[in-house]
Amino acid sequence: MSAPQPSAASAAASDRDGPPAPRRARLGRPVPDEAGVVGVLVLLVLGVGLLQPDFLQTGNLLTTAHNSVYVGLMACGMVFALAMREVDLSVGGVYAMGVVVGALLIRDGMSTWLAVLVVLALSAFVGAVNGAVTTYLRLPSFIVTLATSMLLRGVGLALAEGKQITDLPQDDAFFRVLGGEEFLGAPNAVWVFGAAVVALTVLFTRTRFGARVRAIGSNPEAAEFGGLPVTRTRIAALALSGLMAGLAAVLALAFFIAGDPTIGQGYELTAIAAAIIGGTPLKGGSGSVIGAAAGTLILGVVTAALVFFEVPINWTTFATGGVILVAVGAAPLVRRVRDLRATRDPRAVRDPRPVDGDGRSPGRKP
């Protein structure tokens, strides 16, 4: 029995409409930018663990994560500044000043939790001042925040009279909860860090504020021409960066139970490096809070691994700098290879002709 032949009407319609447009190939969901840096972190931990099995002990991994919390919070806040083409070098000074101010307030009798609120508010205010000066005086944020950092460190040294502030009530609930207690086997400071990463990720990727930060970083002139509140957003972004440094200061004060005015030397540069390793470019327009957290953990793992390999302390800074250089240099290379593979993927080949809703080329006559 022969197959049924198409009717003349259907044949005419097929001839009129031309051959059906090829289906648009659907590519798989793109791999997130954070996947690369998280993968490097996992491979680094496993690699060190193969050579030094004790490194993989739960206690050591939690200690490494705890030591990375302070810079990690600064790096996550730094993502918002870098995404707007700004650099916040004041976070180290805010961190040191926050520790000193909090210690002084608690020593002089203020409620510890009220002192925490004062430190957080003061830190956010300093960040907002940085943003206002940068915006209204049209000065580079690099210079403004560098000057602020030096100013804050000087204030901290003066308030502490150049020495550590001790004699704090160690039995206070603040020091127990945030300094020594654990939840599900992990220090509470690590949980605070994790919660901050989740909250900042949502803020950066799922809110109007985050969209404005990325838009302004991509093209400040176009954003201003389009009516976005550039000034207000810049001030808010730098205030958020200061707030994260203040939160790091609160956790450090709870853990060390002392106010050291010299604490946090070089933390601002490490935070910037961690954010860049995590996929936040200096050119602005994009960023990753999760990547910044992973970048911080990579640096923390390297520091801990050097101890296990008994590398002399004089070479620790050298090795850490080398890792930062390699990681920052490898990031654009990985993205370039990924983009090249995407362009060569045969599944990405599409019909060059535009296709309208009913699957026909709009250039053909009906």
Protein backbone atom coordinates (compact mmCIF):
# COMPACT_ATOMS: atom_id res chain seq x y z
CA MET A 1 0.00 0.00 0.00
CA SER A 2 1.51 3.31 -1.05
CA ALA A 3 1.92 6.16 1.39
CA PRO A 4 -0.68 8.94 1.15
CA GLN A 5 0.44 11.84 -1.01
CA PRO A 6 0.22 15.38 0.27
CA SER A 7 -2.64 17.44 -1.02
CA ALA A 8 -2.08 20.18 -3.54
CA ALA A 9 -3.05 22.81 -0.98
CA SER A 10 -0.52 21.59 1.54
CA ALA A 11 2.16 21.34 -1.14
CA ALA A 12 1.44 24.89 -2.26
CA ALA A 13 1.60 26.12 1.31
CA SER A 14 4.89 24.31 1.80
CA ASP A 15 6.29 25.86 -1.35
CA ARG A 16 5.02 29.27 -0.39
CA ASP A 17 6.44 29.19 3.10
CA GLY A 18 9.70 27.60 2.03
CA PRO A 19 11.57 24.89 3.89
CA PRO A 20 10.91 24.87 7.62
CA ALA A 21 13.44 26.85 9.63
CA PRO A 22 15.85 24.60 11.51
CA ARG A 23 15.16 24.29 15.18
CA ARG A 24 17.18 26.47 17.42
CA ALA A 25 19.58 24.27 19.31
CA ARG A 26 19.20 24.58 23.02
CA LEU A 27 22.44 24.75 24.87
CA GLY A 28 22.77 23.35 28.36
CA ARG A 29 22.65 25.76 31.23
CA PRO A 30 25.89 27.73 31.37
CA VAL A 31 28.37 26.80 34.05
CA PRO A 32 28.37 29.50 36.77
CA ASP A 33 31.51 31.59 37.03
CA GLU A 34 31.87 30.45 40.65
CA ALA A 35 32.23 26.81 39.59
CA GLY A 36 35.82 27.31 38.50
CA VAL A 37 37.07 28.87 41.72
CA VAL A 38 35.08 26.43 43.87
CA GLY A 39 36.58 23.57 41.87
CA VAL A 40 40.07 24.96 42.42
CA LEU A 41 39.35 25.15 46.15
CA VAL A 42 38.21 21.53 46.29
CA LEU A 43 41.18 20.29 44.24
CA LEU A 44 43.57 22.30 46.39
CA VAL A 45 42.19 20.83 49.62
CA LEU A 46 42.29 17.29 48.21
CA GLY A 47 45.77 17.79 46.80
CA VAL A 48 47.17 18.97 50.11
CA GLY A 49 45.29 16.18 51.85
CA LEU A 50 46.92 13.52 49.65
CA LEU A 51 50.36 14.74 50.70
CA GLN A 52 49.43 15.58 54.28
CA PRO A 53 46.48 13.40 55.38
CA ASP A 54 46.19 15.22 58.72
CA PHE A 55 45.21 18.32 56.78
CA LEU A 56 41.80 16.76 56.01
CA GLN A 57 40.88 16.38 59.66
CA THR A 58 37.62 18.13 60.45
CA GLY A 59 39.14 20.23 63.20
CA ASN A 60 41.87 21.57 60.92
CA LEU A 61 39.43 22.39 58.11
CA LEU A 62 37.13 24.24 60.52
CA THR A 63 40.07 26.15 61.96
CA THR A 64 41.15 27.16 58.45
CA ALA A 65 37.62 28.31 57.65
CA HIS A 66 37.42 30.23 60.94
CA ASN A 67 40.70 32.00 60.24
CA SER A 68 39.35 33.06 56.83
CA VAL A 69 36.13 34.59 58.17
CA TYR A 70 37.48 38.09 58.81
CA VAL A 71 39.07 38.69 55.41
CA GLY A 72 36.20 36.79 53.81
CA LEU A 73 33.60 39.24 55.09
CA MET A 74 35.66 42.14 53.76
CA ALA A 75 36.06 40.41 50.39
CA CYS A 76 32.31 39.82 50.08
CA GLY A 77 31.62 43.48 50.80
CA MET A 78 34.40 44.47 48.41
CA VAL A 79 32.49 42.81 45.55
CA PHE A 80 29.94 45.64 45.60
CA ALA A 81 32.65 48.30 45.44
CA LEU A 82 34.64 46.59 42.68
CA ALA A 83 31.48 45.94 40.67
CA MET A 84 31.00 49.72 40.56
CA ARG A 85 34.63 50.31 39.47
CA GLU A 86 35.53 51.50 42.96
CA VAL A 87 38.24 50.25 45.32
CA ASP A 88 37.80 50.35 49.10
CA LEU A 89 41.19 50.40 50.81
CA SER A 90 39.70 51.55 54.09
CA VAL A 91 38.34 48.16 55.20
CA GLY A 92 41.54 47.30 57.07
CA GLY A 93 41.39 50.59 58.98
CA VAL A 94 37.66 50.17 59.67
CA TYR A 95 38.39 46.67 60.96
CA ALA A 96 41.13 47.84 63.34
CA MET A 97 39.16 50.84 64.53
CA GLY A 98 36.05 48.71 65.09
CA VAL A 99 37.98 46.29 67.30
CA VAL A 100 39.45 49.14 69.35
CA VAL A 101 36.20 51.11 69.71
CA GLY A 102 34.24 48.00 70.66
CA ALA A 103 36.83 47.00 73.26
CA LEU A 104 36.86 50.50 74.77
CA LEU A 105 33.07 50.70 74.99
CA ILE A 106 32.78 47.29 76.62
CA ARG A 107 35.64 47.99 79.04
CA ASP A 108 34.02 51.25 80.09
CA GLY A 109 30.77 49.51 80.99
CA MET A 110 28.56 49.66 77.89
CA SER A 111 26.41 46.64 77.14
CA THR A 112 28.30 44.35 74.77
CA TRP A 113 25.45 43.98 72.29
CA LEU A 114 24.88 47.75 72.27
CA ALA A 115 28.61 48.20 71.64
CA VAL A 116 28.25 45.82 68.68
CA LEU A 117 25.51 48.01 67.19
CA VAL A 118 27.68 51.10 67.67
CA VAL A 119 30.61 49.46 65.88
CA LEU A 120 28.42 48.34 62.97
CA ALA A 121 26.76 51.75 62.64
CA LEU A 122 30.12 53.56 62.82
CA SER A 123 31.62 51.26 60.19
CA ALA A 124 28.72 51.79 57.79
CA PHE A 125 28.92 55.55 58.39
CA VAL A 126 32.63 55.60 57.50
CA GLY A 127 31.87 53.72 54.29
CA ALA A 128 29.09 56.17 53.45
CA VAL A 129 31.45 59.09 54.02
CA ASN A 130 33.93 57.47 51.63
CA GLY A 131 31.19 57.21 49.03
CA ALA A 132 30.03 60.79 49.53
CA VAL A 133 33.53 62.25 49.29
CA THR A 134 34.31 60.13 46.24
CA THR A 135 31.10 61.13 44.49
CA TYR A 136 30.62 64.79 45.35
CA LEU A 137 34.28 65.81 45.15
CA ARG A 138 34.86 63.56 42.13
CA LEU A 139 37.99 62.05 43.66
CA PRO A 140 39.28 58.53 42.97
CA SER A 141 38.03 56.10 45.58
CA PHE A 142 41.52 54.61 45.69
CA ILE A 143 42.93 57.85 47.14
CA VAL A 144 39.97 58.64 49.38
CA THR A 145 39.83 55.21 51.01
CA LEU A 146 43.61 55.01 51.35
CA ALA A 147 43.58 58.28 53.28
CA THR A 148 40.62 57.08 55.36
CA SER A 149 42.43 53.86 56.22
CA MET A 150 45.49 55.73 57.48
CA LEU A 151 43.28 58.15 59.40
CA LEU A 152 41.33 55.35 61.09
CA ARG A 153 44.45 53.42 62.04
CA GLY A 154 45.85 56.59 63.57
CA VAL A 155 42.66 57.15 65.54
CA GLY A 156 42.71 53.55 66.74
CA LEU A 157 46.31 53.81 67.91
CA ALA A 158 45.55 57.07 69.71
CA LEU A 159 42.45 55.72 71.45
CA ALA A 160 44.25 52.56 72.54
CA GLU A 161 47.38 54.53 73.49
CA GLY A 162 49.42 52.18 71.31
CA LYS A 163 48.69 49.03 73.31
CA GLN A 164 46.15 46.24 73.48
CA ILE A 165 42.91 46.81 75.35
CA THR A 166 42.29 43.93 77.73
CA ASP A 167 40.39 43.42 80.99
CA LEU A 168 37.19 42.60 79.13
CA PRO A 169 34.44 40.46 80.75
CA GLN A 170 35.26 37.09 79.24
CA ASP A 171 32.20 35.44 80.78
CA ASP A 172 29.85 37.77 78.92
CA ALA A 173 27.37 36.08 76.57
CA PHE A 174 28.73 38.05 73.61
CA PHE A 175 32.19 36.50 73.91
CA ARG A 176 30.76 33.04 74.53
CA VAL A 177 28.29 33.04 71.64
CA LEU A 178 30.40 34.62 68.91
CA GLY A 179 33.82 33.79 70.24
CA GLY A 180 33.85 30.24 71.50
CA GLU A 181 30.55 28.41 71.12
CA GLU A 182 29.76 26.08 68.22
CA PHE A 183 26.65 24.99 66.36
CA LEU A 184 26.53 21.55 64.70
CA GLY A 185 30.26 21.22 65.26
CA ALA A 186 31.25 24.47 63.52
CA PRO A 187 32.18 27.77 65.21
CA ASN A 188 29.37 30.30 65.26
CA ALA A 189 31.59 32.79 63.42
CA VAL A 190 31.67 30.41 60.44
CA TRP A 191 27.88 30.25 60.45
CA VAL A 192 27.71 34.05 60.54
CA PHE A 193 30.06 34.14 57.57
CA GLY A 194 27.91 31.64 55.68
CA ALA A 195 24.75 33.60 56.40
CA ALA A 196 26.43 36.81 55.22
CA VAL A 197 27.50 35.13 51.97
CA VAL A 198 23.95 33.96 51.28
CA ALA A 199 22.40 37.34 52.13
CA LEU A 200 24.91 39.31 50.04
CA THR A 201 24.53 36.91 47.12
CA VAL A 202 20.78 37.48 47.10
CA LEU A 203 21.32 41.23 47.44
CA PHE A 204 23.79 41.32 44.57
CA THR A 205 21.96 39.06 42.13
CA ARG A 206 18.25 39.23 42.99
CA THR A 207 17.50 42.79 44.06
CA ARG A 208 17.11 46.14 42.37
CA PHE A 209 20.07 47.48 44.33
CA GLY A 210 22.35 44.75 42.98
CA ALA A 211 21.12 45.37 39.45
CA ARG A 212 21.89 49.07 39.83
CA VAL A 213 25.38 48.30 41.12
CA ARG A 214 26.10 46.12 38.08
CA ALA A 215 24.55 48.59 35.65
CA ILE A 216 26.53 51.53 37.00
CA GLY A 217 29.72 49.51 36.92
CA SER A 218 29.09 48.46 33.32
CA ASN A 219 28.56 52.00 32.05
CA PRO A 220 28.33 54.85 34.59
CA GLU A 221 27.48 57.48 31.96
CA ALA A 222 24.65 55.44 30.46
CA ALA A 223 23.33 54.60 33.93
CA GLU A 224 23.23 58.27 34.89
CA PHE A 225 21.64 59.21 31.57
CA GLY A 226 19.05 56.49 32.13
CA GLY A 227 17.99 58.02 35.43
CA LEU A 228 19.57 55.57 37.87
CA PRO A 229 20.46 57.03 41.30
CA VAL A 230 24.21 56.78 40.75
CA THR A 231 25.23 58.89 43.73
CA ARG A 232 22.95 57.15 46.19
CA THR A 233 23.92 53.70 44.93
CA ARG A 234 27.64 54.43 45.14
CA ILE A 235 27.32 55.70 48.71
CA ALA A 236 25.24 52.66 49.67
CA ALA A 237 27.73 50.24 48.10
CA LEU A 238 30.69 51.70 49.98
CA ALA A 239 28.62 51.85 53.17
CA LEU A 240 27.93 48.14 52.75
CA SER A 241 31.64 47.48 52.30
CA GLY A 242 32.34 49.34 55.54
CA LEU A 243 29.55 47.45 57.30
CA MET A 244 31.12 44.09 56.38
CA ALA A 245 34.47 45.28 57.76
CA GLY A 246 32.67 46.27 60.95
CA LEU A 247 31.04 42.84 61.21
CA ALA A 248 34.49 41.27 60.82
CA ALA A 249 35.72 43.52 63.65
CA VAL A 250 32.88 42.38 65.91
CA LEU A 251 33.69 38.71 65.32
CA ALA A 252 37.41 39.32 65.85
CA LEU A 253 36.75 41.13 69.12
CA ALA A 254 34.59 38.26 70.33
CA PHE A 255 37.26 35.70 69.46
CA PHE A 256 40.40 37.45 70.67
CA ILE A 257 38.71 39.18 73.68
CA ALA A 258 41.05 42.13 73.25
CA GLY A 259 41.37 45.30 71.20
CA ASP A 260 44.59 45.40 69.20
CA PRO A 261 45.07 48.65 67.24
CA THR A 262 47.61 46.99 64.90
CA ILE A 263 45.31 44.17 63.84
CA GLY A 264 44.42 43.63 60.18
CA GLN A 265 47.56 44.94 58.52
CA GLY A 266 47.26 44.26 54.79
CA TYR A 267 43.77 42.77 55.04
CA GLU A 268 42.40 45.25 52.51
CA LEU A 269 44.74 44.03 49.77
CA THR A 270 44.05 40.39 50.60
CA ALA A 271 40.31 41.08 50.43
CA ILE A 272 40.67 42.69 47.00
CA ALA A 273 42.78 39.76 45.80
CA ALA A 274 40.22 37.26 47.09
CA ALA A 275 37.38 39.07 45.31
CA ILE A 276 39.33 39.16 42.04
CA ILE A 277 40.28 35.48 42.35
CA GLY A 278 36.58 34.79 42.83
CA GLY A 279 35.65 36.38 39.53
CA THR A 280 35.01 40.05 40.28
CA PRO A 281 36.93 42.10 37.68
CA LEU A 282 38.38 45.53 38.32
CA LYS A 283 36.60 46.85 35.22
CA GLY A 284 33.27 46.56 37.04
CA GLY A 285 29.87 45.48 35.85
CA SER A 286 29.89 42.00 37.37
CA GLY A 287 30.99 40.09 40.44
CA SER A 288 30.43 37.06 42.61
CA VAL A 289 30.01 37.02 46.36
CA ILE A 290 30.30 33.23 46.46
CA GLY A 291 33.44 33.47 44.34
CA ALA A 292 34.93 36.01 46.76
CA ALA A 293 34.25 33.68 49.68
CA ALA A 294 35.85 30.78 47.81
CA GLY A 295 38.83 32.97 46.90
CA THR A 296 39.32 33.81 50.55
CA LEU A 297 39.20 30.13 51.49
CA ILE A 298 41.79 29.36 48.80
CA LEU A 299 44.18 31.84 50.37
CA GLY A 300 43.40 30.42 53.81
CA VAL A 301 44.09 26.87 52.63
CA VAL A 302 47.41 27.96 51.12
CA THR A 303 48.44 29.60 54.39
CA ALA A 304 47.48 26.51 56.40
CA ALA A 305 49.19 24.18 53.92
CA LEU A 306 52.45 26.06 54.25
CA VAL A 307 52.40 25.27 57.97
CA PHE A 308 51.87 21.57 57.29
CA PHE A 309 54.72 21.53 54.78
CA GLU A 310 56.92 23.33 57.33
CA VAL A 311 57.72 26.17 54.99
CA PRO A 312 59.80 28.79 56.83
CA ILE A 313 57.70 31.73 57.93
CA ASN A 314 59.96 34.09 55.97
CA TRP A 315 58.70 32.45 52.75
CA THR A 316 55.02 32.44 53.69
CA THR A 317 54.28 35.88 52.26
CA PHE A 318 56.24 35.05 49.12
CA ALA A 319 54.27 31.84 48.56
CA THR A 320 50.93 33.54 49.20
CA GLY A 321 51.79 36.32 46.75
CA GLY A 322 52.72 33.72 44.14
CA VAL A 323 49.41 31.94 44.57
CA ILE A 324 47.51 35.23 44.21
CA LEU A 325 49.43 36.08 41.04
CA VAL A 326 48.81 32.65 39.49
CA ALA A 327 45.13 32.63 40.45
CA VAL A 328 44.45 36.15 39.18
CA GLY A 329 46.31 35.39 35.94
CA ALA A 330 44.52 32.08 35.41
CA ALA A 331 41.01 33.49 35.85
CA PRO A 332 40.82 35.40 32.54
CA LEU A 333 42.52 32.50 30.76
CA VAL A 334 39.87 30.06 31.99
CA ARG A 335 37.08 32.41 30.89
CA ARG A 336 38.69 32.83 27.48
CA VAL A 337 38.95 29.07 26.96
CA ARG A 338 35.35 28.61 28.09
CA ASP A 339 34.11 31.28 25.66
CA LEU A 340 36.15 29.75 22.83
CA ARG A 341 34.68 26.32 23.48
CA ALA A 342 31.19 27.79 23.56
CA THR A 343 31.64 29.38 20.13
CA ARG A 344 32.92 26.11 18.69
CA ASP A 345 30.14 23.99 20.21
CA PRO A 346 28.14 22.56 17.27
CA ARG A 347 24.99 22.76 19.37
CA ALA A 348 25.37 26.54 19.33
CA VAL A 349 24.94 26.75 15.53
CA ARG A 350 21.75 28.56 14.75
CA ASP A 351 19.92 29.65 11.65
CA PRO A 352 21.35 33.08 10.78
CA ARG A 353 17.95 34.22 9.57
CA PRO A 354 15.65 35.78 12.16
CA VAL A 355 12.67 33.62 13.01
CA ASP A 356 9.34 34.97 14.18
CA GLY A 357 6.83 33.38 16.50
CA ASP A 358 5.27 30.96 13.99
CA GLY A 359 8.62 29.51 12.93
CA ARG A 360 8.83 31.25 9.55
CA SER A 361 11.39 33.71 8.33
CA PRO A 362 9.77 37.16 8.46
CA GLY A 363 11.58 38.06 5.24
CA ARG A 364 9.37 35.71 3.20
CA LYS A 365 6.13 36.92 1.79
CA PRO A 366 2.96 35.39 3.24
